[in-house]
Protein backbone atom coordinates (compact mmCIF):
# COMPACT_ATOMS: atom_id res chain seq x y z
CA MET A 1 -45.31 36.48 -86.71
CA ILE A 2 -46.79 33.26 -87.43
CA TYR A 3 -48.01 32.22 -90.90
CA HIS A 4 -51.41 29.37 -92.36
CA VAL A 5 -50.89 27.45 -95.42
CA ALA A 6 -54.50 27.04 -96.56
CA PRO A 7 -55.53 25.83 -99.67
CA GLN A 8 -54.91 28.18 -102.95
CA GLU A 9 -58.91 28.66 -103.42
CA HIS A 10 -59.79 29.65 -99.66
CA GLN A 11 -61.26 33.37 -99.54
CA GLY A 12 -62.44 35.25 -96.00
CA ALA A 13 -61.44 34.26 -92.40
CA ILE A 14 -59.39 31.23 -91.64
CA LEU A 15 -61.39 28.34 -90.00
CA SER A 16 -60.90 24.93 -88.09
CA LEU A 17 -61.64 21.57 -89.53
CA PHE A 18 -64.80 21.93 -87.06
CA ALA A 19 -65.70 25.43 -87.56
CA GLN A 20 -66.36 24.37 -91.34
CA HIS A 21 -67.30 20.66 -90.85
CA GLY A 22 -68.98 20.56 -87.56
CA ASP A 23 -68.78 16.84 -86.35
CA GLU A 24 -67.65 15.64 -89.99
CA ALA A 25 -64.57 16.75 -88.72
CA TYR A 26 -63.12 14.49 -86.24
CA GLU A 27 -63.97 11.74 -89.11
CA MET A 28 -61.90 13.97 -91.49
CA TYR A 29 -59.24 14.45 -88.97
CA ALA A 30 -58.09 10.92 -88.15
CA THR A 31 -58.37 10.05 -91.93
CA ARG A 32 -55.79 12.83 -92.69
CA TRP A 33 -54.04 12.02 -89.70
CA PRO A 34 -54.58 8.15 -88.95
CA GLU A 35 -51.30 8.24 -86.35
CA ALA A 36 -53.31 11.15 -84.62
CA GLY A 37 -55.86 8.51 -83.12
CA GLU A 38 -58.19 9.70 -80.67
CA LEU A 39 -56.47 13.89 -81.24
CA ALA A 40 -58.31 14.17 -83.58
CA GLN A 41 -61.08 15.21 -80.70
CA TYR A 42 -59.14 18.27 -79.53
CA HIS A 43 -57.24 19.12 -82.98
CA ALA A 44 -60.21 19.22 -84.87
CA HIS A 45 -60.76 22.71 -82.93
CA TYR A 46 -57.98 24.37 -83.93
CA VAL A 47 -56.52 26.19 -86.87
CA HIS A 48 -52.58 24.56 -87.13
CA CYS A 49 -50.41 27.69 -88.00
CA TYR A 50 -46.17 27.95 -88.68
CA ASP A 51 -43.68 30.00 -86.65
CA SER A 52 -41.28 30.70 -89.57
CA LEU A 53 -42.14 31.47 -92.99
CA ASP A 54 -39.79 28.88 -94.56
CA ASP A 55 -41.52 26.17 -92.58
CA ALA A 56 -44.51 27.88 -94.47
CA ARG A 57 -42.74 27.69 -98.18
CA ASP A 58 -42.20 23.79 -97.09
CA HIS A 59 -44.99 23.18 -96.87
CA VAL A 60 -46.50 24.47 -99.68
CA GLU A 61 -43.42 23.08 -102.21
CA GLN A 62 -44.56 20.28 -100.82
CA HIS A 63 -48.76 20.15 -100.64
CA GLY A 64 -49.76 23.58 -102.55
CA GLY A 65 -51.82 26.24 -100.99
CA LYS A 66 -51.05 30.33 -100.51
CA ILE A 67 -49.54 31.29 -96.78
CA TYR A 68 -51.18 33.68 -94.84
CA GLU A 69 -49.53 36.15 -92.68
CA ILE A 70 -51.26 36.42 -89.15
CA SER A 71 -51.38 40.03 -87.93
CA ASP A 72 -48.85 40.26 -84.55
CA GLU A 73 -51.19 43.35 -83.16
CA ALA A 74 -54.39 40.50 -83.33
CA MET A 75 -51.98 38.29 -80.73
CA ALA A 76 -50.56 41.44 -78.75
CA GLU A 77 -54.25 42.59 -78.12
CA ASP A 78 -54.94 39.12 -77.63
CA LEU A 79 -57.51 39.48 -80.43
CA ILE A 80 -56.56 35.73 -80.60
CA GLU A 81 -55.69 33.43 -78.60
CA VAL A 82 -52.66 31.71 -79.73
CA GLU A 83 -51.53 28.19 -77.74
CA ARG A 84 -48.80 25.75 -78.56
CA ASP A 85 -48.97 22.17 -80.04
CA ARG A 86 -46.19 19.82 -79.13
CA LEU A 87 -47.19 16.31 -80.50
CA GLU A 88 -46.19 16.33 -83.85
CA PHE A 89 -43.87 18.63 -84.21
CA ASP A 90 -43.69 22.64 -81.83
CA HIS A 91 -46.22 24.73 -83.37
CA PRO A 92 -48.39 27.57 -82.47
CA MET A 93 -52.22 27.26 -83.32
CA VAL A 94 -55.27 29.34 -82.85
CA ARG A 95 -58.84 27.80 -81.42
CA SER A 96 -61.58 28.04 -83.81
CA GLU A 97 -60.99 30.87 -86.16
CA ILE A 98 -58.53 33.72 -87.45
CA PRO A 99 -60.52 36.39 -88.86
CA ALA A 100 -60.08 37.41 -92.00
CA GLU A 101 -58.93 41.52 -90.69
CA TYR A 102 -55.98 39.97 -89.07
CA ILE A 103 -55.02 37.89 -91.90
CA ARG A 104 -52.54 39.17 -95.11
CA GLU A 105 -51.64 36.43 -97.96
CA VAL A 106 -47.99 36.56 -98.10
CA LEU A 107 -46.90 36.45 -102.24
C-alpha cells in the first residue's frame, strides 16, 4: 500500500503539479523546493507518495492536509505504474495522475 497527502479541500483524481498547472508547475516546484534546482523539470510530472501511513501522518501533522490510500489492486494490475524517487528520501511516485477510483481517504 502507498499513501498520498493532498490539501484538505482536494476531491477527485490526484494530479501532478504539471497536470494541474501546465508549464507554470516548473516555477511552482522550483519555488516550493529551491534546493531541487533543475529537477523541477522532471518532478513536476509526478505525484509523490509515502510508503507508510505513519510517514503520511507525520506529513499531515507538520503541513496539514488529508491522506489517501492508493489501491494495491491498481498497482498489481499495472493500472498505475509506481516508480522510486531516491533523491531527497526514498519514496514512491506515480507519473501524471492517480485516477479517483483507485484512491480512498484515510480517516
